[in-house]
Structures are given as C-alpha cells and as structure tokens.
Amino acid sequence: MKAVVVKEFGPPEGLAVVDVPTPVPAAGQVLVDVEAIGVGGVDVVIRRGDLEAYGFRPGFVPGGEVAGTVSAVGHGVDPHLIGQRVWAATGTGGGYAEQAVAPVGDVVPLPEGRGSADAVTMGSAGVVAHFGLAHAHFTAGESVLVRGAAGSIGIMTVQLAAAAGTVSVTTSSPDGVRGRRLRELGATHVLGRDEDDGETYDVIIDVVAGPDLPGFIDRLRPNGRLVIVGAVGGPPPADFGGRLMAAFQRSLSVATFSAATVCDRAKNAVRAELFTGAKAVVDDVLPLERAVEAHRRMDRGEVFGRIVLATSG
C-alpha cells in the first residue's frame, strides 16, 4: 500500500510517498480502508522535527485520525464491525496511508450521511474543544477568547462556546473571508492576530502558545483561566511564568489540556454527538500524494478549518 513518510525532518519537502506493507490488526485493533485523513497541527510540528526528542525518527508515517471502512479486526474485536464506516484515531501517527490500524476503543461509527472528509475535521478537534472548555471551567454567559480560531480546534471551540457565551476570536484577516466565516460560526468579535482591543476575558482557549503567550495573560479578568490546547506557534518562552506571578493578586490560572487524559468512552460520546449535529469546515481535499502541498499551506497559515487528504480508494 502507499503511505506518506517523513524521510527528513524540516520543510514539507521532507515528506515522501512510499510503498509499505499493509498493517495487520493486533488484538484489540481494527484495520481501516482509509478514505480521508485529517491533516492536523501536530502532524506539522512532528514533521518539522520539533518533537524528535520524543522518539520520532525518519520513516515515521504522520496522521492521527482517519475515516473509512473497517476491513479486518484483530483478536477479541467484534467481527460485526467489518464493513462499517467509521472514524478512527490512530494515535500519534500511521494515518497518512491507504490502510491504517486503530485501537477499537478509538473507533466511532459514522451516522448515515456524514462524509469521511467531514468526520476527520471534527473527531479530534471537537473533543479538544469540548473538554478544553470544560478544563477551563467555562460556564454559560462568560466571555471567551479563542486564539488561533481559524484552525479546526479553534472552529470547533467557537461553535461550542457560542451556544453559551460571548466569543471573541483572533485570526489573520479579521475583515476578510476568515472573519466573515468565523462570525457565521458564532463569533461576536474578530481581532487580528496582533490586535489588542483592551478587552479582558473570563476564559482564553489557546491553540497557538509560542513566544507571544505571556501577553495574553494580561488579557484575563480576575479569576480568569487560560488553557493551552495546542502549540502550533511553538513552546512559550521559559520565563512566561513571571508574567503570571506579576498578576498574583488577580488569581489567574494557566493550564494545559490534552485529550489523552480523557477516557475513551467520554471522548467517543462527544464525537458521536458532534458527528450528528456539528458543522464541519473542510478547507480543501487533496489526494494523499499531495501531502507536501498540504503541509506547505499549513506552514503558510493559509488553512481555514482542516485540509483533508484522500486516498484513491
């Protein structure tokens, strides 16, 4: 089968399409004939080499979520899953391929009418958005700033928060198409990436992190909470805690959130609900062989929603 591997960490040109053996599902796993693959921010961070210290090596197949049809199951898995259309989480990698394995606990059947490309814009991002807001103890009526709102996690956060709060967002083009589309999804106020309107917020959901993170601590109200759910801008500066301590009397909180801390049953319940009713935002669908182009566009910040890779099958 064909798969995309990271032959060399760094620019997108380090990705290459190669032939690899078809994986065999182990006990507790399913094999999915892949139709769609979500291109996530973590894929970009891994490809750049920022996480090489965590054991990623050349030859790694990126991709953490796929959608398609179950074609085989491992020992202990209900064979009735074979033939079902599903969304599946493959872990930190393995998804950029024509076939992929996933733990059965990370597999969610897709409802009738929900396309594979739609599913991979919501399956991971929606969980992070839902539980990220919960981690921030967000309650109805509070104000929320979503930093990095044009990506899939940001878009899902806007949709979920808009139903219960006042949502401001940051984006590269507040007066352009992105700003209009974010307003259509429920944003009430759209700011440029470097724009500070002087407002403060009860909750900030931050997909970016990076060197500018300390400035957002100042935009929290007393008892405000900032939750970092992504780091597409890289790690924050080592001394960003100093800004937090300088605001000691405002009782601010800064936390990180990873969906790895949530049990499969809870995550899958959220996914099933989102697959039924949430709006999917697909930036573009490209063939698997154009993964380099997808990553170039991610690096340039051109993506609104999620780029999806599709297999010929």
Protein backbone atom coordinates (compact mmCIF):
# COMPACT_ATOMS: atom_id res chain seq x y z
CA MET A 1 0.00 0.00 0.00
CA LYS A 2 1.03 3.64 -0.35
CA ALA A 3 1.86 5.81 2.64
CA VAL A 4 3.45 9.18 3.28
CA VAL A 5 6.56 9.13 5.46
CA VAL A 6 8.82 11.77 6.93
CA LYS A 7 12.07 10.96 5.14
CA GLU A 8 13.76 14.02 6.62
CA PHE A 9 12.58 16.33 9.37
CA GLY A 10 12.26 20.00 8.45
CA PRO A 11 10.42 21.59 5.50
CA PRO A 12 7.41 19.90 3.83
CA GLU A 13 9.68 18.59 1.07
CA GLY A 14 10.92 16.02 3.58
CA LEU A 15 7.66 14.13 3.10
CA ALA A 16 7.60 11.34 0.50
CA VAL A 17 5.12 8.76 -0.81
CA VAL A 18 6.47 5.22 -0.46
CA ASP A 19 5.22 1.65 -0.64
CA VAL A 20 4.93 -0.06 2.75
CA PRO A 21 3.42 -3.36 3.90
CA THR A 22 -0.25 -3.36 4.79
CA PRO A 23 -0.55 -3.35 8.60
CA VAL A 24 -2.14 -6.31 10.35
CA PRO A 25 -4.51 -5.53 13.23
CA ALA A 26 -3.27 -6.86 16.55
CA ALA A 27 -5.52 -7.92 19.40
CA GLY A 28 -7.95 -5.12 20.20
CA GLN A 29 -7.35 -3.32 16.90
CA VAL A 30 -9.20 -2.81 13.62
CA LEU A 31 -7.88 -2.28 10.11
CA VAL A 32 -9.48 0.63 8.25
CA ASP A 33 -9.51 1.04 4.48
CA VAL A 34 -8.87 4.76 4.58
CA GLU A 35 -10.95 7.25 2.62
CA ALA A 36 -9.99 10.51 4.36
CA ILE A 37 -7.16 11.69 6.61
CA GLY A 38 -7.16 14.82 8.73
CA VAL A 39 -4.01 16.97 8.44
CA GLY A 40 -3.50 18.25 11.97
CA GLY A 41 -1.27 20.82 13.57
CA VAL A 42 0.55 18.11 15.50
CA ASP A 43 1.48 16.46 12.17
CA VAL A 44 3.20 19.70 11.18
CA VAL A 45 5.03 20.01 14.49
CA ILE A 46 6.30 16.42 14.21
CA ARG A 47 7.34 16.89 10.56
CA ARG A 48 9.33 20.00 11.43
CA GLY A 49 11.34 17.93 13.90
CA ASP A 50 10.21 19.84 16.98
CA LEU A 51 9.33 16.57 18.75
CA GLU A 52 12.30 14.49 17.61
CA ALA A 53 13.46 14.28 21.22
CA TYR A 54 10.31 12.26 21.96
CA GLY A 55 11.40 9.36 19.76
CA PHE A 56 10.15 10.31 16.30
CA ARG A 57 12.56 9.10 13.64
CA PRO A 58 12.84 9.28 9.82
CA GLY A 59 10.43 6.84 8.20
CA PHE A 60 7.61 7.90 10.52
CA VAL A 61 4.11 7.94 9.00
CA PRO A 62 2.20 11.02 10.27
CA GLY A 63 -1.55 11.28 10.76
CA GLY A 64 -3.64 10.74 13.87
CA GLU A 65 -7.18 10.42 12.53
CA VAL A 66 -8.79 8.72 9.56
CA ALA A 67 -12.22 7.79 8.29
CA GLY A 68 -13.13 4.85 6.10
CA THR A 69 -14.42 1.29 6.26
CA VAL A 70 -13.32 -1.45 8.63
CA SER A 71 -11.89 -4.31 6.56
CA ALA A 72 -10.42 -6.58 9.26
CA VAL A 73 -10.32 -6.93 13.04
CA GLY A 74 -7.82 -8.34 15.48
CA HIS A 75 -8.35 -10.92 18.20
CA GLY A 76 -11.09 -10.02 20.66
CA VAL A 77 -12.81 -7.46 18.42
CA ASP A 78 -16.43 -7.92 17.35
CA PRO A 79 -16.32 -9.07 13.69
CA HIS A 80 -19.60 -7.24 13.07
CA LEU A 81 -17.51 -4.09 12.76
CA ILE A 82 -16.22 -5.32 9.40
CA GLY A 83 -17.90 -3.32 6.65
CA GLN A 84 -18.88 -0.41 8.90
CA ARG A 85 -17.92 3.17 8.03
CA VAL A 86 -16.05 4.66 10.96
CA TRP A 87 -13.92 7.47 12.24
CA ALA A 88 -10.76 6.22 13.95
CA ALA A 89 -7.86 7.65 15.94
CA THR A 90 -4.56 6.02 15.01
CA GLY A 91 -2.52 7.60 17.81
CA THR A 92 0.43 9.90 17.10
CA GLY A 93 0.85 8.53 13.57
CA GLY A 94 0.05 5.94 10.95
CA GLY A 95 -2.84 7.78 9.31
CA TYR A 96 -1.24 9.06 6.08
CA ALA A 97 -1.80 5.74 4.36
CA GLU A 98 -4.25 3.77 2.28
CA GLN A 99 -4.88 1.47 5.24
CA ALA A 100 -4.36 2.09 8.94
CA VAL A 101 -4.84 0.28 12.24
CA ALA A 102 -6.52 1.77 15.30
CA PRO A 103 -7.50 0.54 18.77
CA VAL A 104 -11.15 -0.48 18.78
CA GLY A 105 -11.72 1.88 21.71
CA ASP A 106 -10.81 4.78 19.42
CA VAL A 107 -13.31 3.87 16.70
CA VAL A 108 -16.69 5.58 16.28
CA PRO A 109 -19.30 4.50 13.69
CA LEU A 110 -20.34 7.31 11.35
CA PRO A 111 -24.02 8.19 11.04
CA GLU A 112 -25.75 7.94 7.70
CA GLY A 113 -24.96 10.95 5.56
CA ARG A 114 -21.83 12.08 7.42
CA GLY A 115 -18.97 12.16 4.93
CA SER A 116 -15.48 10.90 5.71
CA ALA A 117 -13.88 14.29 5.00
CA ASP A 118 -16.30 15.95 7.42
CA ALA A 119 -15.56 13.38 10.12
CA VAL A 120 -11.80 13.99 10.19
CA THR A 121 -12.35 17.72 10.75
CA MET A 122 -14.30 17.02 13.96
CA GLY A 123 -13.25 13.74 15.56
CA SER A 124 -10.13 15.00 17.32
CA ALA A 125 -10.70 18.75 17.20
CA GLY A 126 -14.19 18.55 18.66
CA VAL A 127 -13.01 16.53 21.63
CA VAL A 128 -10.21 19.03 22.38
CA ALA A 129 -12.66 21.93 22.07
CA HIS A 130 -15.30 20.33 24.29
CA PHE A 131 -13.02 19.18 27.06
CA GLY A 132 -10.73 22.20 26.74
CA LEU A 133 -13.68 24.43 27.64
CA ALA A 134 -14.58 22.07 30.47
CA HIS A 135 -10.96 22.18 31.71
CA ALA A 136 -11.29 25.98 31.82
CA HIS A 137 -14.49 25.60 33.91
CA PHE A 138 -16.30 27.67 31.30
CA THR A 139 -19.90 28.45 32.24
CA ALA A 140 -22.77 29.99 30.31
CA GLY A 141 -22.54 33.74 29.89
CA GLU A 142 -18.78 34.02 30.34
CA SER A 143 -16.62 35.72 27.74
CA VAL A 144 -14.20 33.58 25.72
CA LEU A 145 -11.27 34.48 23.51
CA VAL A 146 -10.20 31.77 21.08
CA ARG A 147 -6.62 32.30 19.98
CA GLY A 148 -5.94 30.61 16.65
CA ALA A 149 -9.59 30.34 15.73
CA ALA A 150 -9.14 29.58 12.02
CA GLY A 151 -7.90 26.04 12.61
CA SER A 152 -10.08 23.01 13.24
CA ILE A 153 -9.76 23.13 17.05
CA GLY A 154 -10.49 26.85 17.10
CA ILE A 155 -13.51 26.49 14.83
CA MET A 156 -15.00 23.75 16.99
CA THR A 157 -14.34 25.83 20.13
CA VAL A 158 -16.14 28.81 18.58
CA GLN A 159 -19.18 26.68 17.76
CA LEU A 160 -19.38 25.13 21.22
CA ALA A 161 -18.74 28.34 23.15
CA ALA A 162 -21.09 30.44 21.02
CA ALA A 163 -24.06 28.48 22.29
CA ALA A 164 -23.39 29.64 25.84
CA GLY A 165 -21.04 32.63 25.90
CA THR A 166 -19.68 35.72 24.18
CA VAL A 167 -16.95 34.60 21.80
CA SER A 168 -14.11 36.77 20.56
CA VAL A 169 -11.53 35.24 18.25
CA THR A 170 -8.15 36.04 16.74
CA THR A 171 -7.41 35.46 13.07
CA SER A 172 -5.01 36.71 10.41
CA SER A 173 -7.69 38.52 8.40
CA PRO A 174 -10.43 39.89 10.70
CA ASP A 175 -12.01 41.97 7.95
CA GLY A 176 -11.72 39.34 5.23
CA VAL A 177 -13.24 35.98 4.41
CA ARG A 178 -11.94 34.36 7.58
CA GLY A 179 -13.54 36.98 9.77
CA ARG A 180 -16.87 36.64 7.98
CA ARG A 181 -16.86 32.86 8.25
CA LEU A 182 -15.97 32.96 11.96
CA ARG A 183 -18.88 35.31 12.56
CA GLU A 184 -21.16 32.90 10.72
CA LEU A 185 -20.00 30.19 13.14
CA GLY A 186 -20.92 32.32 16.15
CA ALA A 187 -18.03 34.70 16.84
CA THR A 188 -19.21 38.11 18.03
CA HIS A 189 -15.90 39.96 17.78
CA VAL A 190 -12.98 39.18 15.45
CA LEU A 191 -9.48 40.54 16.11
CA GLY A 192 -6.26 40.46 14.13
CA ARG A 193 -3.51 38.21 15.43
CA ASP A 194 -1.57 41.15 16.88
CA GLU A 195 -4.58 43.29 17.77
CA ASP A 196 -5.38 44.11 21.39
CA ASP A 197 -8.69 45.90 21.79
CA GLY A 198 -8.19 46.38 25.51
CA GLU A 199 -10.89 43.85 26.42
CA THR A 200 -10.35 41.20 29.07
CA TYR A 201 -11.84 37.72 29.18
CA ASP A 202 -13.01 35.08 31.63
CA VAL A 203 -11.56 32.28 29.50
CA ILE A 204 -8.90 32.08 26.80
CA ILE A 205 -8.56 28.88 24.77
CA ASP A 206 -5.13 28.99 23.13
CA VAL A 207 -4.25 26.77 20.17
CA VAL A 208 -1.03 28.65 19.41
CA ALA A 209 1.18 29.07 22.53
CA GLY A 210 4.55 30.35 21.19
CA PRO A 211 6.53 33.45 22.17
CA ASP A 212 3.51 35.77 22.37
CA LEU A 213 1.69 33.73 25.02
CA PRO A 214 2.71 35.95 28.01
CA GLY A 215 0.85 38.92 26.54
CA PHE A 216 -2.42 37.01 26.70
CA ILE A 217 -2.10 36.51 30.45
CA ASP A 218 -2.69 40.27 30.73
CA ARG A 219 -6.00 39.85 28.87
CA LEU A 220 -7.56 37.71 31.58
CA ARG A 221 -10.09 39.11 34.03
CA PRO A 222 -9.65 38.45 37.75
CA ASN A 223 -10.08 34.70 38.31
CA GLY A 224 -9.61 34.21 34.55
CA ARG A 225 -8.41 30.93 33.09
CA LEU A 226 -6.17 30.35 30.06
CA VAL A 227 -5.97 26.80 28.72
CA ILE A 228 -3.32 25.85 26.17
CA VAL A 229 -4.75 23.14 23.89
CA GLY A 230 -2.14 23.33 21.11
CA ALA A 231 1.29 24.70 20.31
CA VAL A 232 1.36 25.37 16.58
CA GLY A 233 3.42 28.51 17.34
CA GLY A 234 5.97 26.51 19.31
CA PRO A 235 6.62 26.45 23.06
CA PRO A 236 6.11 29.57 25.17
CA PRO A 237 9.17 31.40 26.49
CA ALA A 238 10.72 29.76 29.52
CA ASP A 239 10.07 32.79 31.72
CA PHE A 240 6.38 33.26 30.89
CA GLY A 241 5.54 32.26 34.45
CA GLY A 242 6.95 35.58 35.56
CA ARG A 243 4.03 37.38 33.91
CA LEU A 244 1.63 35.13 35.81
CA MET A 245 3.34 35.84 39.13
CA ALA A 246 3.30 39.58 38.42
CA ALA A 247 -0.51 39.32 38.33
CA PHE A 248 -0.64 37.28 41.54
CA GLN A 249 -3.43 39.31 43.16
CA ARG A 250 -5.77 38.68 40.19
CA SER A 251 -5.88 34.92 40.92
CA LEU A 252 -5.25 33.85 37.33
CA SER A 253 -4.85 30.27 36.12
CA VAL A 254 -2.84 28.93 33.18
CA ALA A 255 -3.17 25.24 32.31
CA THR A 256 -2.54 22.78 29.52
CA PHE A 257 -5.06 20.27 28.22
CA SER A 258 -4.53 17.03 26.32
CA ALA A 259 -7.31 14.70 25.23
CA ALA A 260 -5.06 11.84 26.38
CA THR A 261 -6.34 12.50 29.91
CA VAL A 262 -9.96 11.74 28.96
CA CYS A 263 -11.30 8.18 28.86
CA ASP A 264 -12.28 6.66 25.51
CA ARG A 265 -15.95 6.33 26.44
CA ALA A 266 -16.31 10.02 27.24
CA LYS A 267 -14.43 11.12 24.12
CA ASN A 268 -16.45 8.84 21.87
CA ALA A 269 -19.74 10.06 23.34
CA VAL A 270 -18.76 13.62 22.41
CA ARG A 271 -17.68 12.53 18.93
CA ALA A 272 -20.95 10.72 18.29
CA GLU A 273 -22.89 13.86 19.24
CA LEU A 274 -20.73 16.12 17.07
CA PHE A 275 -20.95 13.79 14.06
CA THR A 276 -24.72 14.10 14.29
CA GLY A 277 -25.09 17.85 14.64
CA ALA A 278 -21.94 19.99 14.41
CA LYS A 279 -20.83 21.90 11.32
CA ALA A 280 -17.71 20.58 9.61
CA VAL A 281 -15.36 23.07 7.98
CA VAL A 282 -13.19 21.48 5.28
CA ASP A 283 -10.63 23.83 3.75
CA ASP A 284 -9.73 21.51 0.86
CA VAL A 285 -9.48 17.85 -0.08
CA LEU A 286 -6.22 16.79 -1.71
CA PRO A 287 -5.04 13.36 -2.83
CA LEU A 288 -2.63 11.57 -0.49
CA GLU A 289 0.17 12.13 -2.99
CA ARG A 290 -0.09 15.91 -2.41
CA ALA A 291 0.73 15.80 1.30
CA VAL A 292 3.69 18.12 0.68
CA GLU A 293 1.35 20.78 -0.68
CA ALA A 294 -0.99 20.36 2.29
CA HIS A 295 1.90 20.94 4.70
CA ARG A 296 3.15 23.95 2.74
CA ARG A 297 -0.25 25.54 3.11
CA MET A 298 -0.28 24.74 6.81
CA ASP A 299 3.13 26.36 7.22
CA ARG A 300 1.96 29.49 5.40
CA GLY A 301 -1.12 29.78 7.61
CA GLU A 302 -3.47 29.60 4.64
CA VAL A 303 -5.85 26.97 6.01
CA PHE A 304 -9.32 27.71 7.37
CA GLY A 305 -10.69 24.61 9.02
CA ARG A 306 -8.86 21.45 8.07
CA ILE A 307 -7.11 20.18 4.98
CA VAL A 308 -8.08 16.58 4.24
CA LEU A 309 -6.02 14.03 2.36
CA ALA A 310 -8.00 11.46 0.36
CA THR A 311 -6.94 8.07 -0.93
CA SER A 312 -7.80 6.84 -4.40
CA GLY A 313 -9.80 4.05 -2.81
